[in-house]
Amino acid sequence: MRNSEVIPLLRLSLDPKKGDPRVADTLIRISERVAKLHGLDAPQRIETTGKDGGPIETKQTEPDFDKLTLDELLQYEELHRKAHGLPTREAEYHVIDEGPNTRKWYAAQRAAETQLATSPGTS
């Protein structure tokens, strides 16, 4: 049973014993709980502070781009531009990324080299 189903049953079971002060206290607590569950109370403002009531300290760390490969850095740049609504590198610099000696060409060369190196029967 959920709280919303149990609370009316508790109230009904305690109703005949209203003269007992403990029952009255229990009924008040049940009513307060119902009000809180249904959001009937005024919202409470909670302020969170840092050490000794001061501001909350946050630590910002800068990303370590040295750990990324060139391809990863280029992907990061494209994603950053897209997320911020900036034009892509190709659109901004009018780069044509086709043909020899371009990023796509070098990526295809690396893929072919990797495939040859991992193929069985090659040395």
Protein backbone atom coordinates (compact mmCIF):
# COMPACT_ATOMS: atom_id res chain seq x y z
CA MET A 1 0.00 0.00 0.00
CA ARG A 2 1.11 3.52 -0.71
CA ASN A 3 1.11 6.34 1.85
CA SER A 4 -1.91 7.90 0.15
CA GLU A 5 -3.86 4.67 0.82
CA VAL A 6 -2.59 3.98 4.35
CA ILE A 7 -3.14 7.44 5.85
CA PRO A 8 -6.96 7.51 5.52
CA LEU A 9 -7.10 4.03 7.09
CA LEU A 10 -4.99 5.19 10.02
CA ARG A 11 -7.23 8.19 10.52
CA LEU A 12 -10.34 6.04 10.53
CA SER A 13 -8.86 3.58 13.01
CA LEU A 14 -7.85 6.39 15.39
CA ASP A 15 -11.06 8.43 15.04
CA PRO A 16 -13.08 6.65 17.79
CA LYS A 17 -10.28 7.28 20.33
CA LYS A 18 -10.14 11.08 19.88
CA GLY A 19 -10.22 11.69 23.63
CA ASP A 20 -6.74 10.24 24.16
CA PRO A 21 -4.03 12.96 23.90
CA ARG A 22 -1.63 10.56 22.19
CA VAL A 23 -4.22 9.84 19.50
CA ALA A 24 -4.77 13.57 18.95
CA ASP A 25 -0.99 14.04 18.58
CA THR A 26 -0.84 11.14 16.11
CA LEU A 27 -3.74 12.59 14.08
CA ILE A 28 -1.96 15.96 13.92
CA ARG A 29 1.24 14.30 12.70
CA ILE A 30 -0.74 12.35 10.08
CA SER A 31 -2.38 15.59 8.88
CA GLU A 32 1.03 17.28 8.66
CA ARG A 33 2.39 14.34 6.67
CA VAL A 34 -0.57 14.43 4.26
CA ALA A 35 -0.10 18.18 3.74
CA LYS A 36 3.61 17.66 3.05
CA LEU A 37 2.97 14.75 0.65
CA HIS A 38 0.44 16.72 -1.36
CA GLY A 39 2.48 19.93 -1.36
CA LEU A 40 -0.09 21.88 0.62
CA ASP A 41 2.48 23.59 2.84
CA ALA A 42 4.26 26.74 1.72
CA PRO A 43 7.57 25.96 0.02
CA GLN A 44 10.61 26.06 2.28
CA ARG A 45 13.66 28.04 1.31
CA ILE A 46 16.88 26.18 1.93
CA GLU A 47 20.20 27.99 1.63
CA THR A 48 23.36 26.02 1.28
CA THR A 49 26.62 27.66 2.20
CA GLY A 50 30.24 26.73 2.25
CA LYS A 51 32.62 26.53 5.19
CA ASP A 52 31.71 28.92 8.05
CA GLY A 53 28.73 30.29 6.13
CA GLY A 54 30.86 31.51 3.24
CA PRO A 55 30.37 30.81 -0.47
CA ILE A 56 30.60 27.27 -1.78
CA GLU A 57 34.02 26.69 -3.26
CA THR A 58 34.23 24.90 -6.58
CA LYS A 59 37.33 23.62 -8.27
CA GLN A 60 37.49 23.96 -12.03
CA THR A 61 40.00 21.79 -13.79
CA GLU A 62 41.16 22.45 -17.29
CA PRO A 63 41.11 19.53 -19.73
CA ASP A 64 44.49 17.98 -20.54
CA PHE A 65 44.55 18.17 -24.33
CA ASP A 66 48.04 16.62 -24.43
CA LYS A 67 46.40 13.23 -23.90
CA LEU A 68 44.43 13.51 -27.17
CA THR A 69 45.60 12.53 -30.62
CA LEU A 70 45.39 14.97 -33.51
CA ASP A 71 42.23 13.27 -34.79
CA GLU A 72 40.64 13.48 -31.34
CA LEU A 73 41.54 17.17 -31.07
CA LEU A 74 39.96 17.84 -34.46
CA GLN A 75 36.83 15.90 -33.45
CA TYR A 76 36.70 17.85 -30.17
CA GLU A 77 36.95 21.13 -32.06
CA GLU A 78 34.12 20.17 -34.41
CA LEU A 79 31.89 19.07 -31.52
CA HIS A 80 32.68 22.27 -29.60
CA ARG A 81 31.79 24.38 -32.62
CA LYS A 82 28.56 22.45 -33.17
CA ALA A 83 27.52 22.70 -29.50
CA HIS A 84 28.09 26.47 -29.50
CA GLY A 85 26.38 27.05 -32.84
CA LEU A 86 29.59 28.10 -34.57
CA PRO A 87 30.35 27.31 -38.22
CA THR A 88 32.40 24.22 -38.88
CA ARG A 89 36.07 24.58 -39.64
CA GLU A 90 35.49 23.62 -43.26
CA ALA A 91 32.70 26.19 -43.65
CA GLU A 92 34.66 28.93 -41.90
CA TYR A 93 37.89 28.45 -43.84
CA HIS A 94 36.29 27.10 -47.05
CA VAL A 95 38.37 23.92 -46.72
CA ILE A 96 37.88 21.23 -49.29
CA ASP A 97 38.61 17.98 -47.53
CA GLU A 98 38.92 15.74 -50.55
CA GLY A 99 41.83 14.55 -52.63
CA PRO A 100 45.41 13.71 -51.68
CA ASN A 101 47.11 15.25 -48.64
CA THR A 102 43.89 16.01 -46.77
CA ARG A 103 42.59 14.76 -43.43
CA LYS A 104 40.32 12.19 -45.06
CA TRP A 105 43.12 10.96 -47.29
CA TYR A 106 45.52 10.57 -44.35
CA ALA A 107 42.83 8.81 -42.30
CA ALA A 108 42.25 6.35 -45.15
CA GLN A 109 46.01 5.76 -45.44
CA ARG A 110 46.30 5.04 -41.71
CA ALA A 111 43.32 2.68 -41.84
CA ALA A 112 44.84 0.79 -44.78
CA GLU A 113 48.22 0.55 -42.99
CA THR A 114 46.57 -0.69 -39.82
CA GLN A 115 44.58 -3.28 -41.76
CA LEU A 116 47.72 -4.52 -43.52
CA ALA A 117 49.64 -4.72 -40.24
CA THR A 118 46.92 -6.79 -38.54
CA SER A 119 46.19 -9.11 -41.51
CA PRO A 120 47.36 -12.69 -41.03
CA GLY A 121 50.17 -13.82 -43.29
CA THR A 122 51.86 -10.40 -43.56
CA SER A 123 55.10 -9.49 -41.91
